[in-house]
Amino acid sequence: MRDLVPPHEASRALSPPDLASLRVGGVGIDYVTRFESGVAGPDVVINALCHGNEICGAIAVERLIRLGLKPRRGRLTLVLANVAACLRFDPQRPLASRYVEQDFNRLWSEAVLDGCGTSVELRRARELRPIYRQADVLLDLHSMTNPCEALALCGDTGRARALALALGFPRWVVSDPGHAAGRRLIEYGAFGIPDHETPAGAGAPVALLVECGQHGQPAAADVAFAMCLRVLGHFGLIASSTLARLLPPLASGPQRVVDVTDVVTASGDNFVFAADYAGLDVVPRAGTIIGYDQGWPVRTPHDDCILIMPARRVRRGQTAVRLGRIVACA
């Protein structure tokens, strides 16, 4: 396999913001900042640091706080989630600060949250749960290990896909069923209600996860900030003139919608890929071997198979890669 940008090299380009200065935000919960408009409108939550090494979102949140963008309607809540993990960030070992004890982004079922667990991440998730429950809109900012173009993950609701397309960015929009290892924040509570179960004429809460690019790359922070602005502009929390003035100049183009057809979950700790996949790779032929799980071949299920976020290191029960097909271009 060719050398990708090593994680420790990729992470040197960005460093976390001064978290101590962001601790008190007027909500009564550490690292949560809220801006009220006093005018009726949506409750928008922008979430960063689900994973402590994915710092692009924290940089975008800090920029919003420093700008002091008071919403024109509704309210805006900015959350730095797994700060405990980020405080352990070491640019020489960035993947070690993904979480402290548990993956914060696999905890989002009531059974887990109300269970007997006592990890650092569970305690923080329980503390933040009321913030997420109240939200009408959630933007969850992440980044990736491999050098890959930004993509939006919509879960399996049509309203999240519609939001991603309405925002017009990033170019790749992926509908997927999540992970066997646990539910993501974008699937929690009302965010995950199927479209057909939402009350007629009522807008159900909507959540979008954006993978902004490779960990630590400056472009990822620009994408994260651009996504924040686009969401705020779309829901009317900032004026179109403000959006145009602040929006970073990022390349855009027609959006491609990918439906995930298969999620490859590792059955053991010995999963290896057959080639050097970075993500959004297209494998032309069905039946092509793309990896080996405990020595057993993993094959593409259909022609023109898109590989979504192949993992660099895979453990038993974790997602190795998601496989999909392009279903629309917008």
C-alpha atoms as a PDB file:
ATOM      1  CA  MET A   1       0.000   0.000   0.000  1.00  0.00           C
ATOM      2  CA  ARG A   2       1.195   3.517  -0.741  1.00  0.00           C
ATOM      3  CA  ASP A   3       1.750   5.852   2.181  1.00  0.00           C
ATOM      4  CA  LEU A   4      -1.249   7.994   3.052  1.00  0.00           C
ATOM      5  CA  VAL A   5      -0.734  11.155   5.053  1.00  0.00           C
ATOM      6  CA  PRO A   6       0.249   9.705   8.444  1.00  0.00           C
ATOM      7  CA  PRO A   7      -2.156  10.672  11.243  1.00  0.00           C
ATOM      8  CA  HIS A   8       0.619  12.339  13.248  1.00  0.00           C
ATOM      9  CA  GLU A   9       1.666  14.415  10.225  1.00  0.00           C
ATOM     10  CA  ALA A  10      -1.926  15.336   9.331  1.00  0.00           C
ATOM     11  CA  SER A  11      -2.665  16.542  12.827  1.00  0.00           C
ATOM     12  CA  ARG A  12       0.263  18.959  13.033  1.00  0.00           C
ATOM     13  CA  ALA A  13      -1.470  21.433  10.748  1.00  0.00           C
ATOM     14  CA  LEU A  14      -4.252  22.183  13.247  1.00  0.00           C
ATOM     15  CA  SER A  15      -4.284  22.282  17.019  1.00  0.00           C
ATOM     16  CA  PRO A  16      -7.257  22.493  19.367  1.00  0.00           C
ATOM     17  CA  PRO A  17      -8.514  25.935  20.362  1.00  0.00           C
ATOM     18  CA  ASP A  18      -8.100  27.268  23.899  1.00  0.00           C
ATOM     19  CA  LEU A  19     -10.792  25.117  25.491  1.00  0.00           C
ATOM     20  CA  ALA A  20     -10.501  26.766  28.901  1.00  0.00           C
ATOM     21  CA  SER A  21     -11.743  30.036  27.416  1.00  0.00           C
ATOM     22  CA  LEU A  22     -14.831  28.253  26.063  1.00  0.00           C
ATOM     23  CA  ARG A  23     -15.838  26.493  29.270  1.00  0.00           C
ATOM     24  CA  VAL A  24     -18.465  28.942  30.529  1.00  0.00           C
ATOM     25  CA  GLY A  25     -21.216  29.670  28.032  1.00  0.00           C
ATOM     26  CA  GLY A  26     -24.142  30.807  30.131  1.00  0.00           C
ATOM     27  CA  VAL A  27     -26.110  27.563  29.983  1.00  0.00           C
ATOM     28  CA  GLY A  28     -24.972  25.956  33.225  1.00  0.00           C
ATOM     29  CA  ILE A  29     -23.260  23.098  31.414  1.00  0.00           C
ATOM     30  CA  ASP A  30     -19.536  23.323  30.769  1.00  0.00           C
ATOM     31  CA  TYR A  31     -18.494  23.952  27.154  1.00  0.00           C
ATOM     32  CA  VAL A  32     -22.019  24.762  25.982  1.00  0.00           C
ATOM     33  CA  THR A  33     -22.676  28.285  24.669  1.00  0.00           C
ATOM     34  CA  ARG A  34     -26.092  29.620  23.710  1.00  0.00           C
ATOM     35  CA  PHE A  35     -27.220  32.681  21.763  1.00  0.00           C
ATOM     36  CA  GLU A  36     -30.896  33.679  22.067  1.00  0.00           C
ATOM     37  CA  SER A  37     -32.713  35.861  19.547  1.00  0.00           C
ATOM     38  CA  GLY A  38     -35.937  36.463  21.464  1.00  0.00           C
ATOM     39  CA  VAL A  39     -37.794  35.765  18.216  1.00  0.00           C
ATOM     40  CA  ALA A  40     -39.652  32.553  17.425  1.00  0.00           C
ATOM     41  CA  GLY A  41     -37.684  30.155  15.281  1.00  0.00           C
ATOM     42  CA  PRO A  42     -35.823  26.853  15.225  1.00  0.00           C
ATOM     43  CA  ASP A  43     -33.562  25.597  17.984  1.00  0.00           C
ATOM     44  CA  VAL A  44     -30.302  24.883  16.145  1.00  0.00           C
ATOM     45  CA  VAL A  45     -27.496  22.923  17.832  1.00  0.00           C
ATOM     46  CA  ILE A  46     -24.003  22.753  16.346  1.00  0.00           C
ATOM     47  CA  ASN A  47     -22.008  19.933  17.903  1.00  0.00           C
ATOM     48  CA  ALA A  48     -18.253  19.370  17.805  1.00  0.00           C
ATOM     49  CA  LEU A  49     -15.760  16.999  19.460  1.00  0.00           C
ATOM     50  CA  CYS A  50     -17.825  13.845  19.517  1.00  0.00           C
ATOM     51  CA  HIS A  51     -14.312  12.506  19.113  1.00  0.00           C
ATOM     52  CA  GLY A  52     -11.477  14.298  20.880  1.00  0.00           C
ATOM     53  CA  ASN A  53      -9.081  14.190  17.934  1.00  0.00           C
ATOM     54  CA  GLU A  54     -11.555  15.667  15.432  1.00  0.00           C
ATOM     55  CA  ILE A  55     -10.727  19.270  16.165  1.00  0.00           C
ATOM     56  CA  CYS A  56     -11.944  21.010  13.013  1.00  0.00           C
ATOM     57  CA  GLY A  57     -15.433  21.360  14.487  1.00  0.00           C
ATOM     58  CA  ALA A  58     -14.092  22.868  17.704  1.00  0.00           C
ATOM     59  CA  ILE A  59     -12.207  25.470  15.668  1.00  0.00           C
ATOM     60  CA  ALA A  60     -15.403  26.336  13.773  1.00  0.00           C
ATOM     61  CA  VAL A  61     -17.362  26.627  17.030  1.00  0.00           C
ATOM     62  CA  GLU A  62     -14.723  28.894  18.523  1.00  0.00           C
ATOM     63  CA  ARG A  63     -14.918  31.143  15.443  1.00  0.00           C
ATOM     64  CA  LEU A  64     -18.687  31.430  15.809  1.00  0.00           C
ATOM     65  CA  ILE A  65     -18.343  32.313  19.488  1.00  0.00           C
ATOM     66  CA  ARG A  66     -15.669  34.928  18.799  1.00  0.00           C
ATOM     67  CA  LEU A  67     -17.813  36.458  16.057  1.00  0.00           C
ATOM     68  CA  GLY A  68     -20.733  36.730  18.481  1.00  0.00           C
ATOM     69  CA  LEU A  69     -23.309  36.014  15.792  1.00  0.00           C
ATOM     70  CA  LYS A  70     -26.612  36.683  17.528  1.00  0.00           C
ATOM     71  CA  PRO A  71     -29.321  34.780  15.660  1.00  0.00           C
ATOM     72  CA  ARG A  72     -32.046  36.781  13.918  1.00  0.00           C
ATOM     73  CA  ARG A  73     -34.609  34.154  14.942  1.00  0.00           C
ATOM     74  CA  GLY A  74     -34.716  31.023  17.089  1.00  0.00           C
ATOM     75  CA  ARG A  75     -31.686  30.152  19.155  1.00  0.00           C
ATOM     76  CA  LEU A  76     -28.233  28.786  18.524  1.00  0.00           C
ATOM     77  CA  THR A  77     -26.479  26.372  20.892  1.00  0.00           C
ATOM     78  CA  LEU A  78     -22.817  25.471  20.391  1.00  0.00           C
ATOM     79  CA  VAL A  79     -21.612  22.265  22.063  1.00  0.00           C
ATOM     80  CA  LEU A  80     -18.120  20.899  22.610  1.00  0.00           C
ATOM     81  CA  ALA A  81     -18.998  17.338  23.505  1.00  0.00           C
ATOM     82  CA  ASN A  82     -16.108  15.069  24.501  1.00  0.00           C
ATOM     83  CA  VAL A  83     -13.770  17.708  25.900  1.00  0.00           C
ATOM     84  CA  ALA A  84     -12.183  15.171  28.263  1.00  0.00           C
ATOM     85  CA  ALA A  85     -10.844  13.276  25.251  1.00  0.00           C
ATOM     86  CA  CYS A  86      -9.665  16.431  23.489  1.00  0.00           C
ATOM     87  CA  LEU A  87      -7.748  17.559  26.561  1.00  0.00           C
ATOM     88  CA  ARG A  88      -5.622  14.411  26.102  1.00  0.00           C
ATOM     89  CA  PHE A  89      -4.786  15.411  22.522  1.00  0.00           C
ATOM     90  CA  ASP A  90      -1.188  14.664  21.555  1.00  0.00           C
ATOM     91  CA  PRO A  91      -0.186  15.607  17.989  1.00  0.00           C
ATOM     92  CA  GLN A  92       2.250  12.687  17.985  1.00  0.00           C
ATOM     93  CA  ARG A  93      -0.553  10.212  18.860  1.00  0.00           C
ATOM     94  CA  PRO A  94      -3.767  11.875  17.705  1.00  0.00           C
ATOM     95  CA  LEU A  95      -5.837   8.705  17.379  1.00  0.00           C
ATOM     96  CA  ALA A  96      -5.286   7.975  21.081  1.00  0.00           C
ATOM     97  CA  SER A  97      -7.541  10.915  21.977  1.00  0.00           C
ATOM     98  CA  ARG A  98     -10.556   9.727  19.991  1.00  0.00           C
ATOM     99  CA  TYR A  99     -12.210   8.896  23.311  1.00  0.00           C
ATOM    100  CA  VAL A 100     -11.294   8.192  26.928  1.00  0.00           C
ATOM    101  CA  GLU A 101     -13.267   5.018  27.679  1.00  0.00           C
ATOM    102  CA  GLN A 102     -16.060   4.666  25.112  1.00  0.00           C
ATOM    103  CA  ASP A 103     -16.900   6.026  21.692  1.00  0.00           C
ATOM    104  CA  PHE A 104     -19.181   8.983  22.462  1.00  0.00           C
ATOM    105  CA  ASN A 105     -20.894   8.512  19.097  1.00  0.00           C
ATOM    106  CA  ARG A 106     -22.094   4.961  19.769  1.00  0.00           C
ATOM    107  CA  LEU A 107     -24.073   5.632  22.967  1.00  0.00           C
ATOM    108  CA  TRP A 108     -27.266   7.174  21.650  1.00  0.00           C
ATOM    109  CA  SER A 109     -30.043   4.780  22.652  1.00  0.00           C
ATOM    110  CA  GLU A 110     -32.137   5.167  25.777  1.00  0.00           C
ATOM    111  CA  ALA A 111     -31.134   1.654  26.819  1.00  0.00           C
ATOM    112  CA  VAL A 112     -27.474   2.656  26.911  1.00  0.00           C
ATOM    113  CA  LEU A 113     -28.010   6.128  28.355  1.00  0.00           C
ATOM    114  CA  ASP A 114     -30.286   4.825  31.117  1.00  0.00           C
ATOM    115  CA  GLY A 115     -28.164   1.742  31.770  1.00  0.00           C
ATOM    116  CA  CYS A 116     -25.611   1.058  34.471  1.00  0.00           C
ATOM    117  CA  GLY A 117     -22.543   2.300  32.615  1.00  0.00           C
ATOM    118  CA  THR A 118     -20.342   4.900  34.303  1.00  0.00           C
ATOM    119  CA  SER A 119     -17.744   5.852  31.700  1.00  0.00           C
ATOM    120  CA  VAL A 120     -16.460   9.382  31.126  1.00  0.00           C
ATOM    121  CA  GLU A 121     -18.348   9.494  27.830  1.00  0.00           C
ATOM    122  CA  LEU A 122     -21.607   8.207  29.285  1.00  0.00           C
ATOM    123  CA  ARG A 123     -21.571  10.781  32.051  1.00  0.00           C
ATOM    124  CA  ARG A 124     -21.029  13.547  29.514  1.00  0.00           C
ATOM    125  CA  ALA A 125     -23.723  12.150  27.189  1.00  0.00           C
ATOM    126  CA  ARG A 126     -26.241  12.165  30.038  1.00  0.00           C
ATOM    127  CA  GLU A 127     -25.299  15.727  30.878  1.00  0.00           C
ATOM    128  CA  LEU A 128     -25.804  16.875  27.286  1.00  0.00           C
ATOM    129  CA  ARG A 129     -28.905  14.806  26.567  1.00  0.00           C
ATOM    130  CA  PRO A 130     -31.380  17.640  27.354  1.00  0.00           C
ATOM    131  CA  ILE A 131     -29.596  19.935  24.878  1.00  0.00           C
ATOM    132  CA  TYR A 132     -30.002  17.444  22.048  1.00  0.00           C
ATOM    133  CA  ARG A 133     -33.573  16.543  23.007  1.00  0.00           C
ATOM    134  CA  GLN A 134     -34.673  20.161  22.635  1.00  0.00           C
ATOM    135  CA  ALA A 135     -33.065  20.680  19.231  1.00  0.00           C
ATOM    136  CA  ASP A 136     -35.012  21.095  16.025  1.00  0.00           C
ATOM    137  CA  VAL A 137     -31.805  20.954  13.966  1.00  0.00           C
ATOM    138  CA  LEU A 138     -28.486  19.278  14.765  1.00  0.00           C
ATOM    139  CA  LEU A 139     -25.267  19.703  12.804  1.00  0.00           C
ATOM    140  CA  ASP A 140     -22.636  17.261  14.054  1.00  0.00           C
ATOM    141  CA  LEU A 141     -19.100  18.062  12.852  1.00  0.00           C
ATOM    142  CA  HIS A 142     -16.512  15.297  12.364  1.00  0.00           C
ATOM    143  CA  SER A 143     -13.347  14.537  10.405  1.00  0.00           C
ATOM    144  CA  MET A 144     -11.733  11.433   8.901  1.00  0.00           C
ATOM    145  CA  THR A 145      -8.474   9.522   9.210  1.00  0.00           C
ATOM    146  CA  ASN A 146      -7.852   9.200   5.473  1.00  0.00           C
ATOM    147  CA  PRO A 147      -7.422  12.023   2.939  1.00  0.00           C
ATOM    148  CA  CYS A 148     -10.937  12.092   1.546  1.00  0.00           C
ATOM    149  CA  GLU A 149     -13.331  14.687   0.201  1.00  0.00           C
ATOM    150  CA  ALA A 150     -15.948  15.969   2.665  1.00  0.00           C
ATOM    151  CA  LEU A 151     -19.258  14.137   2.841  1.00  0.00           C
ATOM    152  CA  ALA A 152     -22.577  14.441   4.636  1.00  0.00           C
ATOM    153  CA  LEU A 153     -24.046  11.415   6.425  1.00  0.00           C
ATOM    154  CA  CYS A 154     -27.839  11.517   6.639  1.00  0.00           C
ATOM    155  CA  GLY A 155     -28.699   8.320   8.461  1.00  0.00           C
ATOM    156  CA  ASP A 156     -31.769   6.801   6.860  1.00  0.00           C
ATOM    157  CA  THR A 157     -34.249   9.694   6.964  1.00  0.00           C
ATOM    158  CA  GLY A 158     -35.339  11.489   3.845  1.00  0.00           C
ATOM    159  CA  ARG A 159     -35.566  14.821   5.656  1.00  0.00           C
ATOM    160  CA  ALA A 160     -31.848  14.716   6.495  1.00  0.00           C
ATOM    161  CA  ARG A 161     -31.034  13.927   2.878  1.00  0.00           C
ATOM    162  CA  ALA A 162     -33.273  16.799   1.764  1.00  0.00           C
ATOM    163  CA  LEU A 163     -31.455  19.158   4.142  1.00  0.00           C
ATOM    164  CA  ALA A 164     -28.039  18.116   2.806  1.00  0.00           C
ATOM    165  CA  LEU A 165     -29.196  18.752  -0.753  1.00  0.00           C
ATOM    166  CA  ALA A 166     -30.781  22.080   0.167  1.00  0.00           C
ATOM    167  CA  LEU A 167     -27.482  23.222   1.687  1.00  0.00           C
ATOM    168  CA  GLY A 168     -25.778  22.471  -1.626  1.00  0.00           C
ATOM    169  CA  PHE A 169     -22.560  21.318   0.044  1.00  0.00           C
ATOM    170  CA  PRO A 170     -20.626  19.053   0.420  1.00  0.00           C
ATOM    171  CA  ARG A 171     -20.706  17.297  -2.927  1.00  0.00           C
ATOM    172  CA  TRP A 172     -21.177  13.820  -1.461  1.00  0.00           C
ATOM    173  CA  VAL A 173     -24.403  12.985   0.401  1.00  0.00           C
ATOM    174  CA  VAL A 174     -24.587   9.515   1.943  1.00  0.00           C
ATOM    175  CA  SER A 175     -27.681   7.771   3.315  1.00  0.00           C
ATOM    176  CA  ASP A 176     -26.642   4.973   5.656  1.00  0.00           C
ATOM    177  CA  PRO A 177     -28.062   2.775   8.450  1.00  0.00           C
ATOM    178  CA  GLY A 178     -25.349   3.461  11.031  1.00  0.00           C
ATOM    179  CA  HIS A 179     -23.140   1.025  12.933  1.00  0.00           C
ATOM    180  CA  ALA A 180     -23.626  -2.345  14.597  1.00  0.00           C
ATOM    181  CA  ALA A 181     -21.534  -1.108  17.539  1.00  0.00           C
ATOM    182  CA  GLY A 182     -24.139   1.432  18.645  1.00  0.00           C
ATOM    183  CA  ARG A 183     -26.365   4.342  17.678  1.00  0.00           C
ATOM    184  CA  ARG A 184     -24.944   7.673  16.604  1.00  0.00           C
ATOM    185  CA  LEU A 185     -26.071  11.041  17.896  1.00  0.00           C
ATOM    186  CA  ILE A 186     -27.831  11.801  14.596  1.00  0.00           C
ATOM    187  CA  GLU A 187     -30.035   8.747  15.247  1.00  0.00           C
ATOM    188  CA  TYR A 188     -30.944   9.687  18.814  1.00  0.00           C
ATOM    189  CA  GLY A 189     -34.576  10.177  19.808  1.00  0.00           C
ATOM    190  CA  ALA A 190     -36.648  12.312  17.458  1.00  0.00           C
ATOM    191  CA  PHE A 191     -33.742  12.715  15.014  1.00  0.00           C
ATOM    192  CA  GLY A 192     -34.133   9.075  14.036  1.00  0.00           C
ATOM    193  CA  ILE A 193     -37.928   8.972  13.703  1.00  0.00           C
ATOM    194  CA  PRO A 194     -38.772   7.551  10.261  1.00  0.00           C
ATOM    195  CA  ASP A 195     -40.258  10.105   7.899  1.00  0.00           C
ATOM    196  CA  HIS A 196     -43.534   8.205   7.573  1.00  0.00           C
ATOM    197  CA  GLU A 197     -44.044   8.337  11.351  1.00  0.00           C
ATOM    198  CA  THR A 198     -43.745  12.119  11.660  1.00  0.00           C
ATOM    199  CA  PRO A 199     -47.023  14.010  12.293  1.00  0.00           C
ATOM    200  CA  ALA A 200     -48.706  15.316   9.170  1.00  0.00           C
ATOM    201  CA  GLY A 201     -47.794  18.931   8.532  1.00  0.00           C
ATOM    202  CA  ALA A 202     -45.202  19.023  11.317  1.00  0.00           C
ATOM    203  CA  GLY A 203     -41.486  19.211  10.791  1.00  0.00           C
ATOM    204  CA  ALA A 204     -39.678  16.516  12.725  1.00  0.00           C
ATOM    205  CA  PRO A 205     -36.235  17.289  14.161  1.00  0.00           C
ATOM    206  CA  VAL A 206     -33.465  16.735  11.638  1.00  0.00           C
ATOM    207  CA  ALA A 207     -29.802  15.842  12.174  1.00  0.00           C
ATOM    208  CA  LEU A 208     -26.873  15.830   9.783  1.00  0.00           C
ATOM    209  CA  LEU A 209     -23.345  14.521  10.371  1.00  0.00           C
ATOM    210  CA  VAL A 210     -20.647  16.090   8.203  1.00  0.00           C
ATOM    211  CA  GLU A 211     -17.227  14.503   7.776  1.00  0.00           C
ATOM    212  CA  CYS A 212     -15.269  17.645   6.940  1.00  0.00           C
ATOM    213  CA  GLY A 213     -12.066  16.085   5.572  1.00  0.00           C
ATOM    214  CA  GLN A 214      -8.915  14.557   6.983  1.00  0.00           C
ATOM    215  CA  HIS A 215      -8.062  15.079  10.643  1.00  0.00           C
ATOM    216  CA  GLY A 216      -5.956  18.133  11.247  1.00  0.00           C
ATOM    217  CA  GLN A 217      -5.962  19.538   7.734  1.00  0.00           C
ATOM    218  CA  PRO A 218      -6.731  23.280   7.517  1.00  0.00           C
ATOM    219  CA  ALA A 219      -9.292  22.634   4.798  1.00  0.00           C
ATOM    220  CA  ALA A 220     -11.349  20.565   7.266  1.00  0.00           C
ATOM    221  CA  ALA A 221     -11.745  23.570   9.568  1.00  0.00           C
ATOM    222  CA  ASP A 222     -12.851  25.690   6.610  1.00  0.00           C
ATOM    223  CA  VAL A 223     -15.434  23.071   5.629  1.00  0.00           C
ATOM    224  CA  ALA A 224     -16.702  22.861   9.219  1.00  0.00           C
ATOM    225  CA  PHE A 225     -17.108  26.643   9.443  1.00  0.00           C
ATOM    226  CA  ALA A 226     -18.776  26.761   6.025  1.00  0.00           C
ATOM    227  CA  MET A 227     -21.267  24.087   7.080  1.00  0.00           C
ATOM    228  CA  CYS A 228     -22.128  26.050  10.224  1.00  0.00           C
ATOM    229  CA  LEU A 229     -22.795  29.178   8.170  1.00  0.00           C
ATOM    230  CA  ARG A 230     -24.818  27.315   5.556  1.00  0.00           C
ATOM    231  CA  VAL A 231     -27.054  25.767   8.210  1.00  0.00           C
ATOM    232  CA  LEU A 232     -27.543  29.100   9.963  1.00  0.00           C
ATOM    233  CA  GLY A 233     -28.346  30.785   6.665  1.00  0.00           C
ATOM    234  CA  HIS A 234     -30.729  28.037   5.540  1.00  0.00           C
ATOM    235  CA  PHE A 235     -32.806  28.276   8.716  1.00  0.00           C
ATOM    236  CA  GLY A 236     -32.773  32.060   8.782  1.00  0.00           C
ATOM    237  CA  LEU A 237     -30.581  32.547  11.852  1.00  0.00           C
ATOM    238  CA  ILE A 238     -28.199  34.774   9.896  1.00  0.00           C
ATOM    239  CA  ALA A 239     -28.865  37.093   6.968  1.00  0.00           C
ATOM    240  CA  SER A 240     -27.884  36.115   3.436  1.00  0.00           C
ATOM    241  CA  SER A 241     -25.494  39.083   3.371  1.00  0.00           C
ATOM    242  CA  THR A 242     -23.729  37.757   6.477  1.00  0.00           C
ATOM    243  CA  LEU A 243     -23.497  34.318   4.898  1.00  0.00           C
ATOM    244  CA  ALA A 244     -21.992  35.731   1.715  1.00  0.00           C
ATOM    245  CA  ARG A 245     -19.498  37.861   3.668  1.00  0.00           C
ATOM    246  CA  LEU A 246     -18.207  35.081   5.928  1.00  0.00           C
ATOM    247  CA  LEU A 247     -18.465  31.962   3.777  1.00  0.00           C
ATOM    248  CA  PRO A 248     -15.021  30.511   2.946  1.00  0.00           C
ATOM    249  CA  PRO A 249     -14.306  30.153  -0.798  1.00  0.00           C
ATOM    250  CA  LEU A 250     -14.554  26.383  -1.176  1.00  0.00           C
ATOM    251  CA  ALA A 251     -14.838  24.456  -4.418  1.00  0.00           C
ATOM    252  CA  SER A 252     -18.292  23.038  -4.997  1.00  0.00           C
ATOM    253  CA  GLY A 253     -20.115  21.197  -7.731  1.00  0.00           C
ATOM    254  CA  PRO A 254     -23.071  18.907  -8.436  1.00  0.00           C
ATOM    255  CA  GLN A 255     -24.000  16.798  -5.434  1.00  0.00           C
ATOM    256  CA  ARG A 256     -24.001  13.013  -5.614  1.00  0.00           C
ATOM    257  CA  VAL A 257     -26.315  10.959  -3.441  1.00  0.00           C
ATOM    258  CA  VAL A 258     -25.081   7.551  -2.332  1.00  0.00           C
ATOM    259  CA  ASP A 259     -27.270   4.903  -0.748  1.00  0.00           C
ATOM    260  CA  VAL A 260     -25.325   2.496   1.451  1.00  0.00           C
ATOM    261  CA  THR A 261     -26.264  -1.051   0.469  1.00  0.00           C
ATOM    262  CA  ASP A 262     -23.967  -2.988   2.800  1.00  0.00           C
ATOM    263  CA  VAL A 263     -22.134  -2.280   6.047  1.00  0.00           C
ATOM    264  CA  VAL A 264     -19.075  -4.482   6.542  1.00  0.00           C
ATOM    265  CA  THR A 265     -18.622  -5.156  10.262  1.00  0.00           C
ATOM    266  CA  ALA A 266     -15.390  -6.892  11.274  1.00  0.00           C
ATOM    267  CA  SER A 267     -15.873 -10.317  12.844  1.00  0.00           C
ATOM    268  CA  GLY A 268     -12.417 -10.199  14.439  1.00  0.00           C
ATOM    269  CA  ASP A 269      -9.340  -8.049  14.882  1.00  0.00           C
ATOM    270  CA  ASN A 270      -7.633  -9.269  11.716  1.00  0.00           C
ATOM    271  CA  PHE A 271      -9.333  -7.266   8.962  1.00  0.00           C
ATOM    272  CA  VAL A 272      -7.133  -6.093   6.083  1.00  0.00           C
ATOM    273  CA  PHE A 273      -7.951  -4.297   2.859  1.00  0.00           C
ATOM    274  CA  ALA A 274      -6.793  -5.707  -0.457  1.00  0.00           C
ATOM    275  CA  ALA A 275      -5.803  -2.302  -1.851  1.00  0.00           C
ATOM    276  CA  ASP A 276      -5.070   1.219  -0.728  1.00  0.00           C
ATOM    277  CA  TYR A 277      -8.534   2.696  -0.343  1.00  0.00           C
ATOM    278  CA  ALA A 278      -8.934   6.218   1.024  1.00  0.00           C
ATOM    279  CA  GLY A 279     -12.691   6.666   0.657  1.00  0.00           C
ATOM    280  CA  LEU A 280     -15.142   7.394  -2.179  1.00  0.00           C
ATOM    281  CA  ASP A 281     -13.220   4.870  -4.273  1.00  0.00           C
ATOM    282  CA  VAL A 282     -15.303   3.328  -7.074  1.00  0.00           C
ATOM    283  CA  VAL A 283     -14.882  -0.417  -7.697  1.00  0.00           C
ATOM    284  CA  PRO A 284     -16.300  -1.167 -11.175  1.00  0.00           C
ATOM    285  CA  ARG A 285     -17.141  -4.876 -10.923  1.00  0.00           C
ATOM    286  CA  ALA A 286     -19.367  -6.833  -8.570  1.00  0.00           C
ATOM    287  CA  GLY A 287     -17.539  -9.646  -6.808  1.00  0.00           C
ATOM    288  CA  THR A 288     -14.235  -7.783  -6.566  1.00  0.00           C
ATOM    289  CA  ILE A 289     -12.300  -8.684  -3.425  1.00  0.00           C
ATOM    290  CA  ILE A 290     -11.724  -5.499  -1.421  1.00  0.00           C
ATOM    291  CA  GLY A 291     -10.457  -7.047   1.799  1.00  0.00           C
ATOM    292  CA  TYR A 292     -10.175 -10.048   4.076  1.00  0.00           C
ATOM    293  CA  ASP A 293     -11.997 -10.519   7.366  1.00  0.00           C
ATOM    294  CA  GLN A 294     -10.165 -13.148   9.420  1.00  0.00           C
ATOM    295  CA  GLY A 295      -8.856 -14.471   6.105  1.00  0.00           C
ATOM    296  CA  TRP A 296     -12.294 -14.649   4.442  1.00  0.00           C
ATOM    297  CA  PRO A 297     -12.668 -12.516   1.295  1.00  0.00           C
ATOM    298  CA  VAL A 298     -14.974  -9.504   1.350  1.00  0.00           C
ATOM    299  CA  ARG A 299     -16.424  -8.788  -2.093  1.00  0.00           C
ATOM    300  CA  THR A 300     -18.297  -5.895  -3.651  1.00  0.00           C
ATOM    301  CA  PRO A 301     -22.030  -6.693  -3.885  1.00  0.00           C
ATOM    302  CA  HIS A 302     -22.687  -4.777  -7.112  1.00  0.00           C
ATOM    303  CA  ASP A 303     -21.047  -2.934  -9.993  1.00  0.00           C
ATOM    304  CA  ASP A 304     -19.760   0.620  -9.475  1.00  0.00           C
ATOM    305  CA  CYS A 305     -19.514   0.110  -5.748  1.00  0.00           C
ATOM    306  CA  ILE A 306     -18.563   3.193  -3.698  1.00  0.00           C
ATOM    307  CA  LEU A 307     -16.382   2.612  -0.631  1.00  0.00           C
ATOM    308  CA  ILE A 308     -17.350   4.949   2.207  1.00  0.00           C
ATOM    309  CA  MET A 309     -14.788   5.720   4.912  1.00  0.00           C
ATOM    310  CA  PRO A 310     -12.657   2.552   5.004  1.00  0.00           C
ATOM    311  CA  ALA A 311     -11.204   2.310   8.504  1.00  0.00           C
ATOM    312  CA  ARG A 312      -7.459   2.433   9.035  1.00  0.00           C
ATOM    313  CA  ARG A 313      -7.595   0.148  12.066  1.00  0.00           C
ATOM    314  CA  VAL A 314     -10.500  -2.238  12.581  1.00  0.00           C
ATOM    315  CA  ARG A 315     -11.456  -4.178  15.680  1.00  0.00           C
ATOM    316  CA  ARG A 316     -14.072  -6.849  16.170  1.00  0.00           C
ATOM    317  CA  GLY A 317     -17.600  -5.450  15.984  1.00  0.00           C
ATOM    318  CA  GLN A 318     -16.525  -2.188  14.360  1.00  0.00           C
ATOM    319  CA  THR A 319     -17.427  -0.964  10.893  1.00  0.00           C
ATOM    320  CA  ALA A 320     -14.621  -1.682   8.430  1.00  0.00           C
ATOM    321  CA  VAL A 321     -16.236   0.048   5.471  1.00  0.00           C
ATOM    322  CA  ARG A 322     -19.644   0.943   4.065  1.00  0.00           C
ATOM    323  CA  LEU A 323     -20.503  -0.005   0.486  1.00  0.00           C
ATOM    324  CA  GLY A 324     -22.949   1.962  -1.628  1.00  0.00           C
ATOM    325  CA  ARG A 325     -24.116   3.063  -5.042  1.00  0.00           C
ATOM    326  CA  ILE A 326     -24.793   6.467  -6.528  1.00  0.00           C
ATOM    327  CA  VAL A 327     -28.567   6.892  -6.826  1.00  0.00           C
ATOM    328  CA  ALA A 328     -28.835  10.559  -7.836  1.00  0.00           C
ATOM    329  CA  CYS A 329     -26.881  13.580  -9.001  1.00  0.00           C
ATOM    330  CA  ALA A 330     -28.184  17.050  -8.180  1.00  0.00           C
END
